[in-house]
Each structure stands twice: as structure tokens, then as C-alpha cells.
Amino acid sequence: MNRDGSNQRRITTLAVEGYSNAGIGYRWSPAGAQLIYAHYNQSYRVNRDGTGLLLLATAPADRHFRECDWTAQNGGRLVVQTVGVNVYDSELYLLNADGTGASLLMGNLPGRLDSPSFSIDGMRIVYTRDVAGFDSPSGRQLDAHIFTQRLDGTGVLDVTAIGSNGSGNGTPRAVGTNDLNPRYSPDGYSLIFISQANDGLTPGDAWTVEATGLARTKQFANAALPDYTMPAPRWARRWLTFLDLILRWMLRRCVFTVK
């Protein structure tokens, strides 16, 4: 659909569904021409106009795909989350862009493991994990932190722990909250995420923090599932404006000819 909510178009015949996946398990391709999405134990790729549906991968036995991301860097990679019947039974896998070569990135740990996403250069993964290790069938989390790490599992950084003490002139993290749904900024130097009370009921707020964990800052209240959009380069905006003027001129010529 358009940004104003108009011109809604259905492009999939297989729903975005599965264990603990009420429509959240999808992601745009880096170029914006395709999407990948989870349909129970299968991961699919589809063109933005609904054509070219392709099965990419099948999840391990008794598991469903859930959240995912796609980077074009380093030859193209996918990161996918698989979950069991309980959402806290979560694993992360790396795959090639065509769905082959699956390798386990993070095995099941105590507490929920969610929201995997690539850094801009495709060299790191950001995700959240409930460090309280709370395994609740309802999915509730008590102390979810934001982590980043290299694709080989090294260089683990607890972004939340660094920012929780107000380092770098930031705002200290409130006790009894979860950090959720992190995404890298277009320049790769910061993250946007949701801070929400761990009752799971209170509306969350959108915050930003540097990728190093410094300068934790509240942006606005009552938000969910934040993300950035990459603005078109200035040359592209000028080119589109030029094309628009040409099209308008051609339309006026056509109308004149008809008369």
C-alpha cells in the first residue's frame, strides 16, 4: 500500500502464519523488489507484485519460521528465527540468499530470543534476549536486552547493559522494562527499538541508542515495531522530478492532440 494507507494490494496466497506468528514474520529484500516471509514451517520469497513465489527453506522438524531479515552484503545472506510450540523455544539460523546452506547461529537458550536483524554492512546481527531466563508459555519477558554480535558468534555486545546506566549523556533504562524489536539506522551507527514495561500490556515507547550502547534517548511514546526507511539520494529525487515534468508535458501534448 501507499504510505497514506491507500491502494492496498494483496500479494500472497499463503498467509504469514505459524507458531507465535500473527503476521510479523516477513521482511523486504534489500532492493525492495521482493519479500521473504514465514508460512508455518516454510520460508518463501515473492516479488512485490505477487509473482514468482518460491519456496526457500523448510524448518527443522516440529518448528516454524517466525522473524527474518535479508542483507545483500557479502554475497547475500538471510537470518531466520525458528520456534517450537512455545515461543521461548527459539533458534536463529543463517542461510544463503537462495535458502541453501543453513547453519545454526544461536541455539535455544533460557528465556525468549527474538528480532534478528543484520547490520548495514551485513557483518553483525542484532537481536533481543530475556537475560532473566524466564520461560513463560504466554511469551512474557522480564528483562529483555538488545545484543549484537558477529556472524561467527564472536564480539557479543550487550547494548542494553551499557546504556542502562545513562552512559554517554543518555537516559538510564527504567527498571522492569524490556528492550524489543531493534533495527539499525540507515547509517549503521545507531539502533531504534521499543522500551516496554515487562507486564506486556503497557504501550511501549520508541527509543534510539548508539550501536555502542551509548546515548540512550526516548523519541516518542505509544509505539510498536519501529523501523527506518532509507531516503532516496538527492540525485535520484532530482531525476524523478525531471521525469515527472516530462510526463506532465507529454500528457498535456496528448490532450491537445485529441482536441
C-alpha atoms as a PDB file:
ATOM      1  CA  MET A   1       0.000   0.000   0.000  1.00  0.00           C
ATOM      2  CA  ASN A   2       0.959   3.651  -0.209  1.00  0.00           C
ATOM      3  CA  ARG A   3       2.349   5.440   2.842  1.00  0.00           C
ATOM      4  CA  ASP A   4      -1.014   7.108   3.439  1.00  0.00           C
ATOM      5  CA  GLY A   5      -2.720   3.697   3.639  1.00  0.00           C
ATOM      6  CA  SER A   6      -4.327   3.879   0.207  1.00  0.00           C
ATOM      7  CA  ASN A   7      -4.073   1.395  -2.673  1.00  0.00           C
ATOM      8  CA  GLN A   8      -3.798  -1.730  -0.536  1.00  0.00           C
ATOM      9  CA  ARG A   9      -2.855  -4.808  -2.558  1.00  0.00           C
ATOM     10  CA  ARG A  10      -2.717  -8.461  -1.556  1.00  0.00           C
ATOM     11  CA  ILE A  11       0.392 -10.168  -2.912  1.00  0.00           C
ATOM     12  CA  THR A  12       0.450 -13.551  -1.131  1.00  0.00           C
ATOM     13  CA  THR A  13      -1.889 -16.518  -1.278  1.00  0.00           C
ATOM     14  CA  LEU A  14      -0.123 -18.316   1.574  1.00  0.00           C
ATOM     15  CA  ALA A  15      -0.618 -16.461   4.853  1.00  0.00           C
ATOM     16  CA  VAL A  16       2.131 -15.152   7.134  1.00  0.00           C
ATOM     17  CA  GLU A  17       1.306 -17.562   9.952  1.00  0.00           C
ATOM     18  CA  GLY A  18       2.815 -20.109  12.308  1.00  0.00           C
ATOM     19  CA  TYR A  19       3.736 -20.607  15.941  1.00  0.00           C
ATOM     20  CA  SER A  20       3.596 -17.170  17.650  1.00  0.00           C
ATOM     21  CA  ASN A  21       3.493 -15.546  14.218  1.00  0.00           C
ATOM     22  CA  ALA A  22       0.380 -13.431  13.743  1.00  0.00           C
ATOM     23  CA  GLY A  23       1.605 -11.668  10.609  1.00  0.00           C
ATOM     24  CA  ILE A  24       5.017 -10.424  11.803  1.00  0.00           C
ATOM     25  CA  GLY A  25       7.262 -12.923  10.014  1.00  0.00           C
ATOM     26  CA  TYR A  26       8.198 -11.053   6.826  1.00  0.00           C
ATOM     27  CA  ARG A  27      10.899  -8.714   5.544  1.00  0.00           C
ATOM     28  CA  TRP A  28      11.577  -6.638   2.425  1.00  0.00           C
ATOM     29  CA  SER A  29      14.549  -7.506   0.224  1.00  0.00           C
ATOM     30  CA  PRO A  30      17.457  -5.021   0.344  1.00  0.00           C
ATOM     31  CA  ALA A  31      16.398  -3.523  -3.012  1.00  0.00           C
ATOM     32  CA  GLY A  32      12.693  -3.514  -2.148  1.00  0.00           C
ATOM     33  CA  ALA A  33      11.647  -5.626  -5.143  1.00  0.00           C
ATOM     34  CA  GLN A  34      10.815  -8.790  -3.180  1.00  0.00           C
ATOM     35  CA  LEU A  35       9.793 -10.033   0.250  1.00  0.00           C
ATOM     36  CA  ILE A  36      10.632 -13.098   2.284  1.00  0.00           C
ATOM     37  CA  TYR A  37       8.085 -14.432   4.725  1.00  0.00           C
ATOM     38  CA  ALA A  38       7.247 -17.327   7.034  1.00  0.00           C
ATOM     39  CA  HIS A  39       4.374 -19.715   6.399  1.00  0.00           C
ATOM     40  CA  TYR A  40       4.390 -22.291   9.202  1.00  0.00           C
ATOM     41  CA  ASN A  41       7.484 -24.488   8.633  1.00  0.00           C
ATOM     42  CA  GLN A  42       8.256 -22.983   5.226  1.00  0.00           C
ATOM     43  CA  SER A  43      10.059 -19.797   4.199  1.00  0.00           C
ATOM     44  CA  TYR A  44       9.069 -18.161   0.895  1.00  0.00           C
ATOM     45  CA  ARG A  45      10.250 -15.396  -1.404  1.00  0.00           C
ATOM     46  CA  VAL A  46       7.804 -13.445  -3.571  1.00  0.00           C
ATOM     47  CA  ASN A  47       8.012 -10.457  -5.890  1.00  0.00           C
ATOM     48  CA  ARG A  48       6.343  -7.276  -4.675  1.00  0.00           C
ATOM     49  CA  ASP A  49       3.593  -7.681  -7.304  1.00  0.00           C
ATOM     50  CA  GLY A  50       2.764 -11.199  -6.071  1.00  0.00           C
ATOM     51  CA  THR A  51       4.503 -13.120  -8.876  1.00  0.00           C
ATOM     52  CA  GLY A  52       7.428 -15.506  -8.619  1.00  0.00           C
ATOM     53  CA  LEU A  53       6.515 -17.297  -5.385  1.00  0.00           C
ATOM     54  CA  LEU A  54       9.454 -19.522  -4.443  1.00  0.00           C
ATOM     55  CA  LEU A  55       9.981 -21.913  -1.530  1.00  0.00           C
ATOM     56  CA  LEU A  56      13.341 -21.073   0.028  1.00  0.00           C
ATOM     57  CA  ALA A  57      13.667 -23.391   3.019  1.00  0.00           C
ATOM     58  CA  THR A  58      11.896 -25.803   5.342  1.00  0.00           C
ATOM     59  CA  ALA A  59      12.326 -25.534   9.106  1.00  0.00           C
ATOM     60  CA  PRO A  60      13.608 -28.412  11.258  1.00  0.00           C
ATOM     61  CA  ALA A  61      11.046 -30.938  12.485  1.00  0.00           C
ATOM     62  CA  ASP A  62       8.360 -29.585  14.840  1.00  0.00           C
ATOM     63  CA  ARG A  63       9.492 -25.986  14.320  1.00  0.00           C
ATOM     64  CA  HIS A  64       8.065 -22.994  12.428  1.00  0.00           C
ATOM     65  CA  PHE A  65       9.775 -19.994  10.892  1.00  0.00           C
ATOM     66  CA  ARG A  66       8.983 -16.659  12.530  1.00  0.00           C
ATOM     67  CA  GLU A  67      11.023 -13.425  12.208  1.00  0.00           C
ATOM     68  CA  CYS A  68      13.612 -12.905   9.457  1.00  0.00           C
ATOM     69  CA  ASP A  69      15.908 -10.442   7.702  1.00  0.00           C
ATOM     70  CA  TRP A  70      17.859 -10.173   4.448  1.00  0.00           C
ATOM     71  CA  THR A  71      21.150  -8.485   3.563  1.00  0.00           C
ATOM     72  CA  ALA A  72      22.712  -8.082   0.123  1.00  0.00           C
ATOM     73  CA  GLN A  73      26.204  -7.736   1.604  1.00  0.00           C
ATOM     74  CA  ASN A  74      28.835 -10.496   1.422  1.00  0.00           C
ATOM     75  CA  GLY A  75      27.064 -12.306  -1.383  1.00  0.00           C
ATOM     76  CA  GLY A  76      23.627 -12.075   0.246  1.00  0.00           C
ATOM     77  CA  ARG A  77      22.504 -13.751   3.460  1.00  0.00           C
ATOM     78  CA  LEU A  78      19.286 -14.461   5.338  1.00  0.00           C
ATOM     79  CA  VAL A  79      18.817 -14.729   9.079  1.00  0.00           C
ATOM     80  CA  VAL A  80      15.706 -16.553  10.282  1.00  0.00           C
ATOM     81  CA  GLN A  81      14.186 -17.412  13.622  1.00  0.00           C
ATOM     82  CA  THR A  82      12.563 -20.784  14.206  1.00  0.00           C
ATOM     83  CA  VAL A  83      10.326 -21.505  17.195  1.00  0.00           C
ATOM     84  CA  GLY A  84       8.634 -24.508  18.713  1.00  0.00           C
ATOM     85  CA  VAL A  85       5.148 -24.642  20.173  1.00  0.00           C
ATOM     86  CA  ASN A  86       6.369 -22.319  22.941  1.00  0.00           C
ATOM     87  CA  VAL A  87       7.780 -19.002  21.714  1.00  0.00           C
ATOM     88  CA  TYR A  88      10.674 -19.193  24.197  1.00  0.00           C
ATOM     89  CA  ASP A  89      11.888 -22.308  22.332  1.00  0.00           C
ATOM     90  CA  SER A  90      13.746 -20.198  19.772  1.00  0.00           C
ATOM     91  CA  GLU A  91      16.772 -20.617  17.498  1.00  0.00           C
ATOM     92  CA  LEU A  92      18.463 -18.395  14.902  1.00  0.00           C
ATOM     93  CA  TYR A  93      19.849 -19.670  11.587  1.00  0.00           C
ATOM     94  CA  LEU A  94      21.941 -18.144   8.800  1.00  0.00           C
ATOM     95  CA  LEU A  95      21.175 -19.081   5.185  1.00  0.00           C
ATOM     96  CA  ASN A  96      22.359 -18.091   1.744  1.00  0.00           C
ATOM     97  CA  ALA A  97      20.028 -15.695  -0.080  1.00  0.00           C
ATOM     98  CA  ASP A  98      18.608 -18.606  -2.093  1.00  0.00           C
ATOM     99  CA  GLY A  99      17.710 -20.514   1.081  1.00  0.00           C
ATOM    100  CA  THR A 100      20.555 -23.022   0.944  1.00  0.00           C
ATOM    101  CA  GLY A 101      23.420 -23.600   3.372  1.00  0.00           C
ATOM    102  CA  ALA A 102      21.524 -23.266   6.660  1.00  0.00           C
ATOM    103  CA  SER A 103      23.763 -23.046   9.714  1.00  0.00           C
ATOM    104  CA  LEU A 104      22.815 -22.597  13.359  1.00  0.00           C
ATOM    105  CA  LEU A 105      23.704 -19.122  14.611  1.00  0.00           C
ATOM    106  CA  MET A 106      22.213 -19.341  18.113  1.00  0.00           C
ATOM    107  CA  GLY A 107      20.699 -22.356  19.811  1.00  0.00           C
ATOM    108  CA  ASN A 108      17.805 -22.373  22.241  1.00  0.00           C
ATOM    109  CA  LEU A 109      18.646 -20.518  25.475  1.00  0.00           C
ATOM    110  CA  PRO A 110      16.639 -19.887  28.662  1.00  0.00           C
ATOM    111  CA  GLY A 111      14.218 -17.002  28.038  1.00  0.00           C
ATOM    112  CA  ARG A 112      12.966 -15.617  24.742  1.00  0.00           C
ATOM    113  CA  LEU A 113      15.276 -14.947  21.791  1.00  0.00           C
ATOM    114  CA  ASP A 114      13.736 -12.592  19.184  1.00  0.00           C
ATOM    115  CA  SER A 115      14.040  -9.968  16.438  1.00  0.00           C
ATOM    116  CA  PRO A 116      17.167 -10.937  14.455  1.00  0.00           C
ATOM    117  CA  SER A 117      18.314  -8.256  12.000  1.00  0.00           C
ATOM    118  CA  PHE A 118      21.502  -7.519  10.042  1.00  0.00           C
ATOM    119  CA  SER A 119      23.753  -4.510  10.448  1.00  0.00           C
ATOM    120  CA  ILE A 120      24.112  -2.280   7.387  1.00  0.00           C
ATOM    121  CA  ASP A 121      27.382  -3.948   6.316  1.00  0.00           C
ATOM    122  CA  GLY A 122      25.953  -7.429   6.956  1.00  0.00           C
ATOM    123  CA  MET A 123      28.784  -8.251   9.373  1.00  0.00           C
ATOM    124  CA  ARG A 124      26.772  -8.250  12.617  1.00  0.00           C
ATOM    125  CA  ILE A 125      23.400  -9.416  13.888  1.00  0.00           C
ATOM    126  CA  VAL A 126      21.220  -7.558  16.373  1.00  0.00           C
ATOM    127  CA  TYR A 127      18.642  -9.452  18.425  1.00  0.00           C
ATOM    128  CA  THR A 128      16.946  -9.452  21.824  1.00  0.00           C
ATOM    129  CA  ARG A 129      17.193 -11.999  24.625  1.00  0.00           C
ATOM    130  CA  ASP A 130      15.491 -12.160  28.015  1.00  0.00           C
ATOM    131  CA  VAL A 131      18.511 -12.358  30.303  1.00  0.00           C
ATOM    132  CA  ALA A 132      16.215 -13.277  33.200  1.00  0.00           C
ATOM    133  CA  GLY A 133      15.829 -16.670  31.506  1.00  0.00           C
ATOM    134  CA  PHE A 134      12.065 -16.582  32.104  1.00  0.00           C
ATOM    135  CA  ASP A 135      10.304 -19.359  30.168  1.00  0.00           C
ATOM    136  CA  SER A 136       6.622 -18.437  30.095  1.00  0.00           C
ATOM    137  CA  PRO A 137       4.121 -20.159  27.765  1.00  0.00           C
ATOM    138  CA  SER A 138       2.370 -16.787  27.470  1.00  0.00           C
ATOM    139  CA  GLY A 139       5.548 -15.305  25.978  1.00  0.00           C
ATOM    140  CA  ARG A 140       6.051 -12.770  28.743  1.00  0.00           C
ATOM    141  CA  GLN A 141       9.592 -11.459  29.229  1.00  0.00           C
ATOM    142  CA  LEU A 142      11.075  -9.925  32.374  1.00  0.00           C
ATOM    143  CA  ASP A 143      14.401  -8.379  31.294  1.00  0.00           C
ATOM    144  CA  ALA A 144      14.915  -8.442  27.513  1.00  0.00           C
ATOM    145  CA  HIS A 145      18.219  -6.904  26.405  1.00  0.00           C
ATOM    146  CA  ILE A 146      19.484  -5.875  22.973  1.00  0.00           C
ATOM    147  CA  PHE A 147      22.607  -7.735  21.823  1.00  0.00           C
ATOM    148  CA  THR A 148      24.802  -7.513  18.750  1.00  0.00           C
ATOM    149  CA  GLN A 149      27.433  -9.999  17.602  1.00  0.00           C
ATOM    150  CA  ARG A 150      29.451 -11.031  14.575  1.00  0.00           C
ATOM    151  CA  LEU A 151      28.104 -13.761  12.310  1.00  0.00           C
ATOM    152  CA  ASP A 152      30.635 -16.233  13.695  1.00  0.00           C
ATOM    153  CA  GLY A 153      29.300 -15.686  17.224  1.00  0.00           C
ATOM    154  CA  THR A 154      32.195 -13.574  18.482  1.00  0.00           C
ATOM    155  CA  GLY A 155      32.175  -9.949  19.626  1.00  0.00           C
ATOM    156  CA  VAL A 156      28.961 -10.191  21.653  1.00  0.00           C
ATOM    157  CA  LEU A 157      27.873  -6.762  22.936  1.00  0.00           C
ATOM    158  CA  ASP A 158      25.062  -6.213  25.454  1.00  0.00           C
ATOM    159  CA  VAL A 159      23.794  -2.849  24.177  1.00  0.00           C
ATOM    160  CA  THR A 160      21.141  -2.573  26.887  1.00  0.00           C
ATOM    161  CA  ALA A 161      23.580  -3.154  29.749  1.00  0.00           C
ATOM    162  CA  ILE A 162      25.847  -0.355  28.516  1.00  0.00           C
ATOM    163  CA  GLY A 163      23.001   2.099  28.035  1.00  0.00           C
ATOM    164  CA  SER A 164      21.195   1.220  31.257  1.00  0.00           C
ATOM    165  CA  ASN A 165      23.473   3.363  33.412  1.00  0.00           C
ATOM    166  CA  GLY A 166      22.970   6.533  31.374  1.00  0.00           C
ATOM    167  CA  SER A 167      26.398   6.415  29.762  1.00  0.00           C
ATOM    168  CA  GLY A 168      27.132   8.981  27.071  1.00  0.00           C
ATOM    169  CA  ASN A 169      24.610  11.534  28.377  1.00  0.00           C
ATOM    170  CA  GLY A 170      21.769   9.124  27.704  1.00  0.00           C
ATOM    171  CA  THR A 171      18.721   8.350  29.815  1.00  0.00           C
ATOM    172  CA  PRO A 172      19.079   5.366  32.173  1.00  0.00           C
ATOM    173  CA  ARG A 173      16.829   2.423  31.416  1.00  0.00           C
ATOM    174  CA  ALA A 174      13.779   2.124  33.662  1.00  0.00           C
ATOM    175  CA  VAL A 175      13.642  -0.879  35.970  1.00  0.00           C
ATOM    176  CA  GLY A 176      11.081  -3.512  34.985  1.00  0.00           C
ATOM    177  CA  THR A 177      11.186  -2.838  31.228  1.00  0.00           C
ATOM    178  CA  ASN A 178      12.082  -4.818  28.130  1.00  0.00           C
ATOM    179  CA  ASP A 179      14.050  -3.604  25.088  1.00  0.00           C
ATOM    180  CA  LEU A 180      12.374  -5.040  21.980  1.00  0.00           C
ATOM    181  CA  ASN A 181      12.350  -5.015  18.152  1.00  0.00           C
ATOM    182  CA  PRO A 182      15.718  -3.303  17.438  1.00  0.00           C
ATOM    183  CA  ARG A 183      16.639  -2.148  13.922  1.00  0.00           C
ATOM    184  CA  TYR A 184      19.797  -0.483  12.653  1.00  0.00           C
ATOM    185  CA  SER A 185      19.635   3.096  11.349  1.00  0.00           C
ATOM    186  CA  PRO A 186      20.454   3.680   7.642  1.00  0.00           C
ATOM    187  CA  ASP A 187      23.962   4.884   8.570  1.00  0.00           C
ATOM    188  CA  GLY A 188      24.551   1.871  10.817  1.00  0.00           C
ATOM    189  CA  TYR A 189      25.650   3.925  13.825  1.00  0.00           C
ATOM    190  CA  SER A 190      22.506   3.673  15.933  1.00  0.00           C
ATOM    191  CA  LEU A 191      19.514   1.468  16.694  1.00  0.00           C
ATOM    192  CA  ILE A 192      15.829   2.224  17.059  1.00  0.00           C
ATOM    193  CA  PHE A 193      13.846  -0.017  19.407  1.00  0.00           C
ATOM    194  CA  ILE A 194      10.855  -0.268  21.732  1.00  0.00           C
ATOM    195  CA  SER A 195      11.095   0.022  25.505  1.00  0.00           C
ATOM    196  CA  GLN A 196       8.047  -1.511  27.165  1.00  0.00           C
ATOM    197  CA  ALA A 197       7.031  -2.398  30.709  1.00  0.00           C
ATOM    198  CA  ASN A 198       7.524  -6.111  31.309  1.00  0.00           C
ATOM    199  CA  ASP A 199       3.840  -6.613  32.077  1.00  0.00           C
ATOM    200  CA  GLY A 200       3.431  -6.886  28.305  1.00  0.00           C
ATOM    201  CA  LEU A 201       0.300  -4.744  28.468  1.00  0.00           C
ATOM    202  CA  THR A 202       1.510  -1.161  28.812  1.00  0.00           C
ATOM    203  CA  PRO A 203       2.102   0.524  25.410  1.00  0.00           C
ATOM    204  CA  GLY A 204       5.762   0.827  24.504  1.00  0.00           C
ATOM    205  CA  ASP A 205       7.838   3.881  23.603  1.00  0.00           C
ATOM    206  CA  ALA A 206      10.305   4.306  20.724  1.00  0.00           C
ATOM    207  CA  TRP A 207      13.923   4.933  21.733  1.00  0.00           C
ATOM    208  CA  THR A 208      17.250   5.205  19.960  1.00  0.00           C
ATOM    209  CA  VAL A 209      20.715   4.259  21.150  1.00  0.00           C
ATOM    210  CA  GLU A 210      24.137   4.270  19.533  1.00  0.00           C
ATOM    211  CA  ALA A 211      25.264   0.846  18.333  1.00  0.00           C
ATOM    212  CA  THR A 212      27.926   1.001  21.035  1.00  0.00           C
ATOM    213  CA  GLY A 213      25.219   1.257  23.715  1.00  0.00           C
ATOM    214  CA  LEU A 214      25.723   4.966  24.438  1.00  0.00           C
ATOM    215  CA  ALA A 215      23.296   7.909  24.244  1.00  0.00           C
ATOM    216  CA  ARG A 216      20.059   6.079  25.025  1.00  0.00           C
ATOM    217  CA  THR A 217      17.298   8.568  24.112  1.00  0.00           C
ATOM    218  CA  LYS A 218      13.494   8.467  24.076  1.00  0.00           C
ATOM    219  CA  GLN A 219      11.993   9.607  20.763  1.00  0.00           C
ATOM    220  CA  PHE A 220       8.204   9.310  21.138  1.00  0.00           C
ATOM    221  CA  ALA A 221       5.514   7.496  23.121  1.00  0.00           C
ATOM    222  CA  ASN A 222       2.968   4.791  22.259  1.00  0.00           C
ATOM    223  CA  ALA A 223       4.847   2.968  19.508  1.00  0.00           C
ATOM    224  CA  ALA A 224       5.400  -0.573  18.228  1.00  0.00           C
ATOM    225  CA  LEU A 225       7.596  -2.335  15.657  1.00  0.00           C
ATOM    226  CA  PRO A 226       9.802   0.655  14.735  1.00  0.00           C
ATOM    227  CA  ASP A 227      11.969   0.799  11.631  1.00  0.00           C
ATOM    228  CA  TYR A 228      13.900   3.231   9.476  1.00  0.00           C
ATOM    229  CA  THR A 229      13.431   3.968   5.804  1.00  0.00           C
ATOM    230  CA  MET A 230      16.333   4.892   3.566  1.00  0.00           C
ATOM    231  CA  PRO A 231      15.609   8.214   1.810  1.00  0.00           C
ATOM    232  CA  ALA A 232      16.338   8.365  -1.902  1.00  0.00           C
ATOM    233  CA  PRO A 233      19.629  10.085  -2.822  1.00  0.00           C
ATOM    234  CA  ARG A 234      19.361  13.718  -3.898  1.00  0.00           C
ATOM    235  CA  TRP A 235      20.297  12.859  -7.496  1.00  0.00           C
ATOM    236  CA  ALA A 236      17.506  10.260  -7.612  1.00  0.00           C
ATOM    237  CA  ARG A 237      14.943  12.726  -6.270  1.00  0.00           C
ATOM    238  CA  ARG A 238      16.004  15.276  -8.904  1.00  0.00           C
ATOM    239  CA  TRP A 239      15.803  12.651 -11.650  1.00  0.00           C
ATOM    240  CA  LEU A 240      12.301  11.608 -10.549  1.00  0.00           C
ATOM    241  CA  THR A 241      11.219  15.256 -10.516  1.00  0.00           C
ATOM    242  CA  PHE A 242      12.566  15.669 -14.044  1.00  0.00           C
ATOM    243  CA  LEU A 243      10.705  12.549 -15.236  1.00  0.00           C
ATOM    244  CA  ASP A 244       7.526  13.811 -13.617  1.00  0.00           C
ATOM    245  CA  LEU A 245       7.804  17.111 -15.507  1.00  0.00           C
ATOM    246  CA  ILE A 246       8.390  15.253 -18.791  1.00  0.00           C
ATOM    247  CA  LEU A 247       5.351  13.040 -18.206  1.00  0.00           C
ATOM    248  CA  ARG A 248       3.179  16.019 -17.371  1.00  0.00           C
ATOM    249  CA  TRP A 249       4.323  17.774 -20.559  1.00  0.00           C
ATOM    250  CA  MET A 250       3.585  14.659 -22.631  1.00  0.00           C
ATOM    251  CA  LEU A 251       0.110  14.353 -21.122  1.00  0.00           C
ATOM    252  CA  ARG A 252      -0.655  17.954 -21.967  1.00  0.00           C
ATOM    253  CA  ARG A 253       0.522  17.329 -25.556  1.00  0.00           C
ATOM    254  CA  CYS A 254      -1.753  14.265 -25.769  1.00  0.00           C
ATOM    255  CA  VAL A 255      -4.759  16.211 -24.553  1.00  0.00           C
ATOM    256  CA  PHE A 256      -4.001  18.982 -27.035  1.00  0.00           C
ATOM    257  CA  THR A 257      -3.768  16.471 -29.906  1.00  0.00           C
ATOM    258  CA  VAL A 258      -7.109  14.890 -29.010  1.00  0.00           C
ATOM    259  CA  LYS A 259      -8.800  18.285 -29.072  1.00  0.00           C
END
